[in-house]
Amino acid sequence: MILARVIGTVWATRKDERLQGLKMQIVRPVTLDYKDREGFLVAVDAVGAGVGEIVLVVQGSSARQTAVTESKPVDATIMAIVDKLDVT
């Protein structure tokens, strides 16, 4: 899983029909103290996350195992909104 911040939304009117109705978010990986890391991912949002929220993102076959993404052509899915981290 990847800890990330939602930084934007992707709008695509022309896409594979299996992606119709799915919200695609741009996420940037972050460190444990919420500092931005390099790069970004486009992930399907399975939980209703908003811009600025810290989320958990899964990739690969795990990305296709939510109720929203099952059997869909996705490689990254937001599957949790993080409320709090405890790091010792």
PDB file of N, CA and C in Angstrom:
ATOM      1  N   MET A   1       0.833  -1.181   0.000  1.00  0.00           N
ATOM      2  CA  MET A   1       0.000   0.000   0.000  1.00  0.00           C
ATOM      3  C   MET A   1       0.875   1.241   0.000  1.00  0.00           C
ATOM      4  N   ILE A   2       0.336   2.285  -0.557  1.00  0.00           N
ATOM      5  CA  ILE A   2       1.052   3.556  -0.666  1.00  0.00           C
ATOM      6  C   ILE A   2       0.264   4.611   0.104  1.00  0.00           C
ATOM      7  N   LEU A   3       0.956   5.351   0.956  1.00  0.00           N
ATOM      8  CA  LEU A   3       0.360   6.488   1.649  1.00  0.00           C
ATOM      9  C   LEU A   3       0.482   7.688   0.715  1.00  0.00           C
ATOM     10  N   ALA A   4      -0.627   8.369   0.436  1.00  0.00           N
ATOM     11  CA  ALA A   4      -0.609   9.448  -0.555  1.00  0.00           C
ATOM     12  C   ALA A   4      -1.618  10.530  -0.200  1.00  0.00           C
ATOM     13  N   ARG A   5      -1.464  11.681  -0.856  1.00  0.00           N
ATOM     14  CA  ARG A   5      -2.401  12.797  -0.720  1.00  0.00           C
ATOM     15  C   ARG A   5      -3.109  12.991  -2.059  1.00  0.00           C
ATOM     16  N   VAL A   6      -4.412  13.183  -2.031  1.00  0.00           N
ATOM     17  CA  VAL A   6      -5.167  13.474  -3.254  1.00  0.00           C
ATOM     18  C   VAL A   6      -4.873  14.917  -3.645  1.00  0.00           C
ATOM     19  N   ILE A   7      -4.380  15.111  -4.873  1.00  0.00           N
ATOM     20  CA  ILE A   7      -4.004  16.457  -5.316  1.00  0.00           C
ATOM     21  C   ILE A   7      -4.830  16.951  -6.500  1.00  0.00           C
ATOM     22  N   GLY A   8      -5.706  16.113  -7.030  1.00  0.00           N
ATOM     23  CA  GLY A   8      -6.507  16.561  -8.161  1.00  0.00           C
ATOM     24  C   GLY A   8      -7.401  15.465  -8.695  1.00  0.00           C
ATOM     25  N   THR A   9      -8.153  15.807  -9.716  1.00  0.00           N
ATOM     26  CA  THR A   9      -9.102  14.888 -10.341  1.00  0.00           C
ATOM     27  C   THR A   9      -8.836  14.831 -11.834  1.00  0.00           C
ATOM     28  N   VAL A  10      -8.987  13.647 -12.410  1.00  0.00           N
ATOM     29  CA  VAL A  10      -8.854  13.468 -13.858  1.00  0.00           C
ATOM     30  C   VAL A  10     -10.256  13.376 -14.449  1.00  0.00           C
ATOM     31  N   TRP A  11     -10.500  14.169 -15.480  1.00  0.00           N
ATOM     32  CA  TRP A  11     -11.763  14.118 -16.217  1.00  0.00           C
ATOM     33  C   TRP A  11     -11.461  13.553 -17.594  1.00  0.00           C
ATOM     34  N   ALA A  12     -12.115  12.470 -17.962  1.00  0.00           N
ATOM     35  CA  ALA A  12     -11.901  11.855 -19.277  1.00  0.00           C
ATOM     36  C   ALA A  12     -13.263  11.445 -19.834  1.00  0.00           C
ATOM     37  N   THR A  13     -13.741  12.180 -20.828  1.00  0.00           N
ATOM     38  CA  THR A  13     -15.056  11.864 -21.371  1.00  0.00           C
ATOM     39  C   THR A  13     -15.014  10.636 -22.276  1.00  0.00           C
ATOM     40  N   ARG A  14     -13.867  10.368 -22.876  1.00  0.00           N
ATOM     41  CA  ARG A  14     -13.715   9.187 -23.721  1.00  0.00           C
ATOM     42  C   ARG A  14     -12.784   8.216 -23.009  1.00  0.00           C
ATOM     43  N   LYS A  15     -13.326   7.059 -22.646  1.00  0.00           N
ATOM     44  CA  LYS A  15     -12.538   6.053 -21.929  1.00  0.00           C
ATOM     45  C   LYS A  15     -13.177   4.690 -22.139  1.00  0.00           C
ATOM     46  N   ASP A  16     -12.491   3.658 -21.727  1.00  0.00           N
ATOM     47  CA  ASP A  16     -13.029   2.304 -21.793  1.00  0.00           C
ATOM     48  C   ASP A  16     -14.388   2.281 -21.097  1.00  0.00           C
ATOM     49  N   GLU A  17     -15.353   1.627 -21.693  1.00  0.00           N
ATOM     50  CA  GLU A  17     -16.714   1.621 -21.133  1.00  0.00           C
ATOM     51  C   GLU A  17     -16.776   1.047 -19.719  1.00  0.00           C
ATOM     52  N   ARG A  18     -15.816   0.194 -19.348  1.00  0.00           N
ATOM     53  CA  ARG A  18     -15.817  -0.368 -17.993  1.00  0.00           C
ATOM     54  C   ARG A  18     -15.396   0.654 -16.942  1.00  0.00           C
ATOM     55  N   LEU A  19     -14.882   1.801 -17.391  1.00  0.00           N
ATOM     56  CA  LEU A  19     -14.489   2.863 -16.461  1.00  0.00           C
ATOM     57  C   LEU A  19     -15.581   3.922 -16.293  1.00  0.00           C
ATOM     58  N   GLN A  20     -16.678   3.784 -17.017  1.00  0.00           N
ATOM     59  CA  GLN A  20     -17.772   4.751 -16.903  1.00  0.00           C
ATOM     60  C   GLN A  20     -18.266   4.810 -15.459  1.00  0.00           C
ATOM     61  N   GLY A  21     -18.439   6.006 -14.962  1.00  0.00           N
ATOM     62  CA  GLY A  21     -18.954   6.203 -13.614  1.00  0.00           C
ATOM     63  C   GLY A  21     -17.916   6.145 -12.510  1.00  0.00           C
ATOM     64  N   LEU A  22     -16.668   5.832 -12.851  1.00  0.00           N
ATOM     65  CA  LEU A  22     -15.613   5.772 -11.842  1.00  0.00           C
ATOM     66  C   LEU A  22     -14.907   7.119 -11.737  1.00  0.00           C
ATOM     67  N   LYS A  23     -14.652   7.561 -10.519  1.00  0.00           N
ATOM     68  CA  LYS A  23     -13.935   8.812 -10.282  1.00  0.00           C
ATOM     69  C   LYS A  23     -12.443   8.508 -10.254  1.00  0.00           C
ATOM     70  N   MET A  24     -11.670   9.258 -11.035  1.00  0.00           N
ATOM     71  CA  MET A  24     -10.216   9.070 -11.085  1.00  0.00           C
ATOM     72  C   MET A  24      -9.533  10.269 -10.432  1.00  0.00           C
ATOM     73  N   GLN A  25      -8.682   9.983  -9.462  1.00  0.00           N
ATOM     74  CA  GLN A  25      -7.994  11.019  -8.696  1.00  0.00           C
ATOM     75  C   GLN A  25      -6.491  10.967  -8.961  1.00  0.00           C
ATOM     76  N   ILE A  26      -5.870  12.130  -8.891  1.00  0.00           N
ATOM     77  CA  ILE A  26      -4.412  12.220  -8.969  1.00  0.00           C
ATOM     78  C   ILE A  26      -3.905  12.223  -7.529  1.00  0.00           C
ATOM     79  N   VAL A  27      -2.997  11.304  -7.218  1.00  0.00           N
ATOM     80  CA  VAL A  27      -2.454  11.221  -5.862  1.00  0.00           C
ATOM     81  C   VAL A  27      -0.937  11.327  -5.900  1.00  0.00           C
ATOM     82  N   ARG A  28      -0.386  11.967  -4.881  1.00  0.00           N
ATOM     83  CA  ARG A  28       1.068  12.096  -4.739  1.00  0.00           C
ATOM     84  C   ARG A  28       1.483  11.355  -3.471  1.00  0.00           C
ATOM     85  N   PRO A  29       2.426  10.419  -3.584  1.00  0.00           N
ATOM     86  CA  PRO A  29       2.919   9.721  -2.390  1.00  0.00           C
ATOM     87  C   PRO A  29       3.465  10.710  -1.362  1.00  0.00           C
ATOM     88  N   VAL A  30       3.302  10.372  -0.081  1.00  0.00           N
ATOM     89  CA  VAL A  30       3.813  11.208   1.007  1.00  0.00           C
ATOM     90  C   VAL A  30       4.609  10.344   1.984  1.00  0.00           C
ATOM     91  N   THR A  31       5.446  11.011   2.795  1.00  0.00           N
ATOM     92  CA  THR A  31       6.194  10.343   3.848  1.00  0.00           C
ATOM     93  C   THR A  31       5.292  10.169   5.069  1.00  0.00           C
ATOM     94  N   LEU A  32       5.800   9.524   6.113  1.00  0.00           N
ATOM     95  CA  LEU A  32       5.015   9.316   7.326  1.00  0.00           C
ATOM     96  C   LEU A  32       4.665  10.609   8.051  1.00  0.00           C
ATOM     97  N   ASP A  33       5.405  11.691   7.761  1.00  0.00           N
ATOM     98  CA  ASP A  33       5.053  12.991   8.345  1.00  0.00           C
ATOM     99  C   ASP A  33       4.361  13.892   7.316  1.00  0.00           C
ATOM    100  N   TYR A  34       3.756  13.249   6.308  1.00  0.00           N
ATOM    101  CA  TYR A  34       2.911  13.904   5.288  1.00  0.00           C
ATOM    102  C   TYR A  34       3.651  14.853   4.349  1.00  0.00           C
ATOM    103  N   LYS A  35       4.964  14.726   4.241  1.00  0.00           N
ATOM    104  CA  LYS A  35       5.711  15.536   3.271  1.00  0.00           C
ATOM    105  C   LYS A  35       5.639  14.860   1.907  1.00  0.00           C
ATOM    106  N   ASP A  36       5.449  15.685   0.871  1.00  0.00           N
ATOM    107  CA  ASP A  36       5.324  15.154  -0.483  1.00  0.00           C
ATOM    108  C   ASP A  36       6.584  14.439  -0.927  1.00  0.00           C
ATOM    109  N   ARG A  37       6.386  13.337  -1.644  1.00  0.00           N
ATOM    110  CA  ARG A  37       7.472  12.623  -2.299  1.00  0.00           C
ATOM    111  C   ARG A  37       7.376  12.924  -3.795  1.00  0.00           C
ATOM    112  N   GLU A  38       8.317  12.437  -4.543  1.00  0.00           N
ATOM    113  CA  GLU A  38       8.330  12.643  -5.992  1.00  0.00           C
ATOM    114  C   GLU A  38       7.257  11.797  -6.668  1.00  0.00           C
ATOM    115  N   GLY A  39       6.769  12.288  -7.787  1.00  0.00           N
ATOM    116  CA  GLY A  39       5.881  11.526  -8.639  1.00  0.00           C
ATOM    117  C   GLY A  39       4.411  11.641  -8.289  1.00  0.00           C
ATOM    118  N   PHE A  40       3.605  10.910  -9.046  1.00  0.00           N
ATOM    119  CA  PHE A  40       2.164  10.899  -8.844  1.00  0.00           C
ATOM    120  C   PHE A  40       1.591   9.635  -9.472  1.00  0.00           C
ATOM    121  N   LEU A  41       0.367   9.312  -9.101  1.00  0.00           N
ATOM    122  CA  LEU A  41      -0.382   8.202  -9.683  1.00  0.00           C
ATOM    123  C   LEU A  41      -1.780   8.687 -10.001  1.00  0.00           C
ATOM    124  N   VAL A  42      -2.414   8.049 -10.961  1.00  0.00           N
ATOM    125  CA  VAL A  42      -3.843   8.235 -11.174  1.00  0.00           C
ATOM    126  C   VAL A  42      -4.498   6.975 -10.626  1.00  0.00           C
ATOM    127  N   ALA A  43      -5.410   7.158  -9.681  1.00  0.00           N
ATOM    128  CA  ALA A  43      -6.048   6.021  -9.014  1.00  0.00           C
ATOM    129  C   ALA A  43      -7.560   6.163  -9.057  1.00  0.00           C
ATOM    130  N   VAL A  44      -8.248   5.058  -9.231  1.00  0.00           N
ATOM    131  CA  VAL A  44      -9.709   5.046  -9.147  1.00  0.00           C
ATOM    132  C   VAL A  44     -10.077   5.178  -7.674  1.00  0.00           C
ATOM    133  N   ASP A  45     -11.052   6.022  -7.404  1.00  0.00           N
ATOM    134  CA  ASP A  45     -11.474   6.289  -6.032  1.00  0.00           C
ATOM    135  C   ASP A  45     -12.631   5.372  -5.654  1.00  0.00           C
ATOM    136  N   ALA A  46     -12.372   4.420  -4.757  1.00  0.00           N
ATOM    137  CA  ALA A  46     -13.403   3.476  -4.330  1.00  0.00           C
ATOM    138  C   ALA A  46     -14.087   3.903  -3.035  1.00  0.00           C
ATOM    139  N   VAL A  47     -13.643   5.027  -2.437  1.00  0.00           N
ATOM    140  CA  VAL A  47     -14.158   5.399  -1.111  1.00  0.00           C
ATOM    141  C   VAL A  47     -14.661   6.836  -0.998  1.00  0.00           C
ATOM    142  N   GLY A  48     -14.628   7.603  -2.055  1.00  0.00           N
ATOM    143  CA  GLY A  48     -15.136   8.978  -2.012  1.00  0.00           C
ATOM    144  C   GLY A  48     -14.186   9.980  -1.396  1.00  0.00           C
ATOM    145  N   ALA A  49     -12.900   9.837  -1.645  1.00  0.00           N
ATOM    146  CA  ALA A  49     -11.892  10.764  -1.112  1.00  0.00           C
ATOM    147  C   ALA A  49     -11.952  12.106  -1.833  1.00  0.00           C
ATOM    148  N   GLY A  50     -11.523  13.145  -1.136  1.00  0.00           N
ATOM    149  CA  GLY A  50     -11.503  14.477  -1.717  1.00  0.00           C
ATOM    150  C   GLY A  50     -10.095  15.040  -1.783  1.00  0.00           C
ATOM    151  N   VAL A  51      -9.934  16.110  -2.538  1.00  0.00           N
ATOM    152  CA  VAL A  51      -8.632  16.760  -2.686  1.00  0.00           C
ATOM    153  C   VAL A  51      -8.128  17.189  -1.312  1.00  0.00           C
ATOM    154  N   GLY A  52      -6.857  16.901  -1.047  1.00  0.00           N
ATOM    155  CA  GLY A  52      -6.215  17.248   0.205  1.00  0.00           C
ATOM    156  C   GLY A  52      -6.209  16.121   1.230  1.00  0.00           C
ATOM    157  N   GLU A  53      -7.040  15.105   1.035  1.00  0.00           N
ATOM    158  CA  GLU A  53      -7.100  14.015   2.009  1.00  0.00           C
ATOM    159  C   GLU A  53      -5.925  13.052   1.841  1.00  0.00           C
ATOM    160  N   ILE A  54      -5.520  12.469   2.968  1.00  0.00           N
ATOM    161  CA  ILE A  54      -4.491  11.434   2.964  1.00  0.00           C
ATOM    162  C   ILE A  54      -5.204  10.096   2.790  1.00  0.00           C
ATOM    163  N   VAL A  55      -4.693   9.283   1.866  1.00  0.00           N
ATOM    164  CA  VAL A  55      -5.361   8.036   1.501  1.00  0.00           C
ATOM    165  C   VAL A  55      -4.361   6.884   1.412  1.00  0.00           C
ATOM    166  N   LEU A  56      -4.906   5.661   1.395  1.00  0.00           N
ATOM    167  CA  LEU A  56      -4.113   4.477   1.105  1.00  0.00           C
ATOM    168  C   LEU A  56      -4.464   4.011  -0.296  1.00  0.00           C
ATOM    169  N   VAL A  57      -3.427   3.750  -1.087  1.00  0.00           N
ATOM    170  CA  VAL A  57      -3.599   3.338  -2.475  1.00  0.00           C
ATOM    171  C   VAL A  57      -2.988   1.952  -2.646  1.00  0.00           C
ATOM    172  N   VAL A  58      -3.705   1.077  -3.332  1.00  0.00           N
ATOM    173  CA  VAL A  58      -3.165  -0.231  -3.683  1.00  0.00           C
ATOM    174  C   VAL A  58      -2.973  -0.279  -5.186  1.00  0.00           C
ATOM    175  N   GLN A  59      -2.021  -1.117  -5.617  1.00  0.00           N
ATOM    176  CA  GLN A  59      -1.728  -1.247  -7.038  1.00  0.00           C
ATOM    177  C   GLN A  59      -1.766  -2.710  -7.458  1.00  0.00           C
ATOM    178  N   GLY A  60      -1.725  -2.923  -8.756  1.00  0.00           N
ATOM    179  CA  GLY A  60      -1.686  -4.275  -9.295  1.00  0.00           C
ATOM    180  C   GLY A  60      -3.003  -5.001  -9.115  1.00  0.00           C
ATOM    181  N   SER A  61      -2.928  -6.317  -8.922  1.00  0.00           N
ATOM    182  CA  SER A  61      -4.152  -7.117  -8.823  1.00  0.00           C
ATOM    183  C   SER A  61      -5.001  -6.709  -7.621  1.00  0.00           C
ATOM    184  N   SER A  62      -4.399  -6.196  -6.564  1.00  0.00           N
ATOM    185  CA  SER A  62      -5.158  -5.735  -5.393  1.00  0.00           C
ATOM    186  C   SER A  62      -6.077  -4.568  -5.759  1.00  0.00           C
ATOM    187  N   ALA A  63      -5.695  -3.781  -6.747  1.00  0.00           N
ATOM    188  CA  ALA A  63      -6.496  -2.629  -7.163  1.00  0.00           C
ATOM    189  C   ALA A  63      -7.824  -3.051  -7.785  1.00  0.00           C
ATOM    190  N   ARG A  64      -7.920  -4.296  -8.210  1.00  0.00           N
ATOM    191  CA  ARG A  64      -9.136  -4.784  -8.846  1.00  0.00           C
ATOM    192  C   ARG A  64      -9.979  -5.644  -7.907  1.00  0.00           C
ATOM    193  N   GLN A  65      -9.744  -5.514  -6.612  1.00  0.00           N
ATOM    194  CA  GLN A  65     -10.464  -6.366  -5.665  1.00  0.00           C
ATOM    195  C   GLN A  65     -11.412  -5.607  -4.742  1.00  0.00           C
ATOM    196  N   THR A  66     -11.800  -4.397  -5.121  1.00  0.00           N
ATOM    197  CA  THR A  66     -12.834  -3.690  -4.367  1.00  0.00           C
ATOM    198  C   THR A  66     -14.165  -3.901  -5.088  1.00  0.00           C
ATOM    199  N   ALA A  67     -15.247  -3.616  -4.410  1.00  0.00           N
ATOM    200  CA  ALA A  67     -16.571  -3.757  -5.027  1.00  0.00           C
ATOM    201  C   ALA A  67     -16.698  -2.856  -6.258  1.00  0.00           C
ATOM    202  N   VAL A  68     -16.048  -1.698  -6.226  1.00  0.00           N
ATOM    203  CA  VAL A  68     -16.135  -0.720  -7.317  1.00  0.00           C
ATOM    204  C   VAL A  68     -15.280  -1.118  -8.517  1.00  0.00           C
ATOM    205  N   THR A  69     -14.143  -1.780  -8.279  1.00  0.00           N
ATOM    206  CA  THR A  69     -13.180  -2.015  -9.359  1.00  0.00           C
ATOM    207  C   THR A  69     -13.075  -3.460  -9.826  1.00  0.00           C
ATOM    208  N   GLU A  70     -13.870  -4.344  -9.287  1.00  0.00           N
ATOM    209  CA  GLU A  70     -13.769  -5.753  -9.640  1.00  0.00           C
ATOM    210  C   GLU A  70     -13.890  -5.954 -11.145  1.00  0.00           C
ATOM    211  N   SER A  71     -12.900  -6.635 -11.722  1.00  0.00           N
ATOM    212  CA  SER A  71     -12.848  -6.949 -13.161  1.00  0.00           C
ATOM    213  C   SER A  71     -12.776  -5.715 -14.049  1.00  0.00           C
ATOM    214  N   LYS A  72     -12.260  -4.613 -13.532  1.00  0.00           N
ATOM    215  CA  LYS A  72     -12.114  -3.386 -14.334  1.00  0.00           C
ATOM    216  C   LYS A  72     -10.628  -3.186 -14.659  1.00  0.00           C
ATOM    217  N   PRO A  73     -10.320  -2.472 -15.740  1.00  0.00           N
ATOM    218  CA  PRO A  73      -8.932  -2.272 -16.145  1.00  0.00           C
ATOM    219  C   PRO A  73      -8.245  -1.147 -15.348  1.00  0.00           C
ATOM    220  N   VAL A  74      -7.994  -1.398 -14.065  1.00  0.00           N
ATOM    221  CA  VAL A  74      -7.341  -0.397 -13.222  1.00  0.00           C
ATOM    222  C   VAL A  74      -6.076  -0.981 -12.610  1.00  0.00           C
ATOM    223  N   ASP A  75      -5.105  -0.114 -12.354  1.00  0.00           N
ATOM    224  CA  ASP A  75      -3.848  -0.551 -11.753  1.00  0.00           C
ATOM    225  C   ASP A  75      -3.581   0.141 -10.426  1.00  0.00           C
ATOM    226  N   ALA A  76      -4.416   1.108 -10.041  1.00  0.00           N
ATOM    227  CA  ALA A  76      -4.260   1.782  -8.746  1.00  0.00           C
ATOM    228  C   ALA A  76      -5.649   2.180  -8.254  1.00  0.00           C
ATOM    229  N   THR A  77      -5.913   1.906  -6.969  1.00  0.00           N
ATOM    230  CA  THR A  77      -7.213   2.213  -6.377  1.00  0.00           C
ATOM    231  C   THR A  77      -7.032   2.832  -5.003  1.00  0.00           C
ATOM    232  N   ILE A  78      -7.746   3.923  -4.751  1.00  0.00           N
ATOM    233  CA  ILE A  78      -7.818   4.489  -3.401  1.00  0.00           C
ATOM    234  C   ILE A  78      -8.808   3.616  -2.644  1.00  0.00           C
ATOM    235  N   MET A  79      -8.322   2.943  -1.589  1.00  0.00           N
ATOM    236  CA  MET A  79      -9.186   2.018  -0.870  1.00  0.00           C
ATOM    237  C   MET A  79      -9.394   2.379   0.592  1.00  0.00           C
ATOM    238  N   ALA A  80      -8.821   3.505   1.036  1.00  0.00           N
ATOM    239  CA  ALA A  80      -9.056   3.957   2.411  1.00  0.00           C
ATOM    240  C   ALA A  80      -8.689   5.429   2.535  1.00  0.00           C
ATOM    241  N   ILE A  81      -9.432   6.130   3.391  1.00  0.00           N
ATOM    242  CA  ILE A  81      -9.090   7.501   3.775  1.00  0.00           C
ATOM    243  C   ILE A  81      -8.482   7.411   5.175  1.00  0.00           C
ATOM    244  N   VAL A  82      -7.295   7.977   5.344  1.00  0.00           N
ATOM    245  CA  VAL A  82      -6.563   7.873   6.598  1.00  0.00           C
ATOM    246  C   VAL A  82      -7.068   8.948   7.574  1.00  0.00           C
ATOM    247  N   ASP A  83      -7.456   8.521   8.774  1.00  0.00           N
ATOM    248  CA  ASP A  83      -7.866   9.438   9.820  1.00  0.00           C
ATOM    249  C   ASP A  83      -6.680   9.867  10.668  1.00  0.00           C
ATOM    250  N   LYS A  84      -5.778   8.917  10.926  1.00  0.00           N
ATOM    251  CA  LYS A  84      -4.671   9.185  11.852  1.00  0.00           C
ATOM    252  C   LYS A  84      -3.585   8.150  11.655  1.00  0.00           C
ATOM    253  N   LEU A  85      -2.344   8.561  11.880  1.00  0.00           N
ATOM    254  CA  LEU A  85      -1.195   7.653  11.890  1.00  0.00           C
ATOM    255  C   LEU A  85      -0.573   7.668  13.273  1.00  0.00           C
ATOM    256  N   ASP A  86      -0.183   6.523  13.789  1.00  0.00           N
ATOM    257  CA  ASP A  86       0.607   6.433  15.009  1.00  0.00           C
ATOM    258  C   ASP A  86       1.929   5.778  14.635  1.00  0.00           C
ATOM    259  N   VAL A  87       2.999   6.525  14.752  1.00  0.00           N
ATOM    260  CA  VAL A  87       4.320   6.022  14.426  1.00  0.00           C
ATOM    261  C   VAL A  87       5.198   6.193  15.664  1.00  0.00           C
ATOM    262  N   THR A  88       5.860   5.096  16.069  1.00  0.00           N
ATOM    263  CA  THR A  88       6.720   5.200  17.260  1.00  0.00           C
ATOM    264  C   THR A  88       8.171   5.100  16.872  1.00  0.00           C
TER     265      THR A  88
END
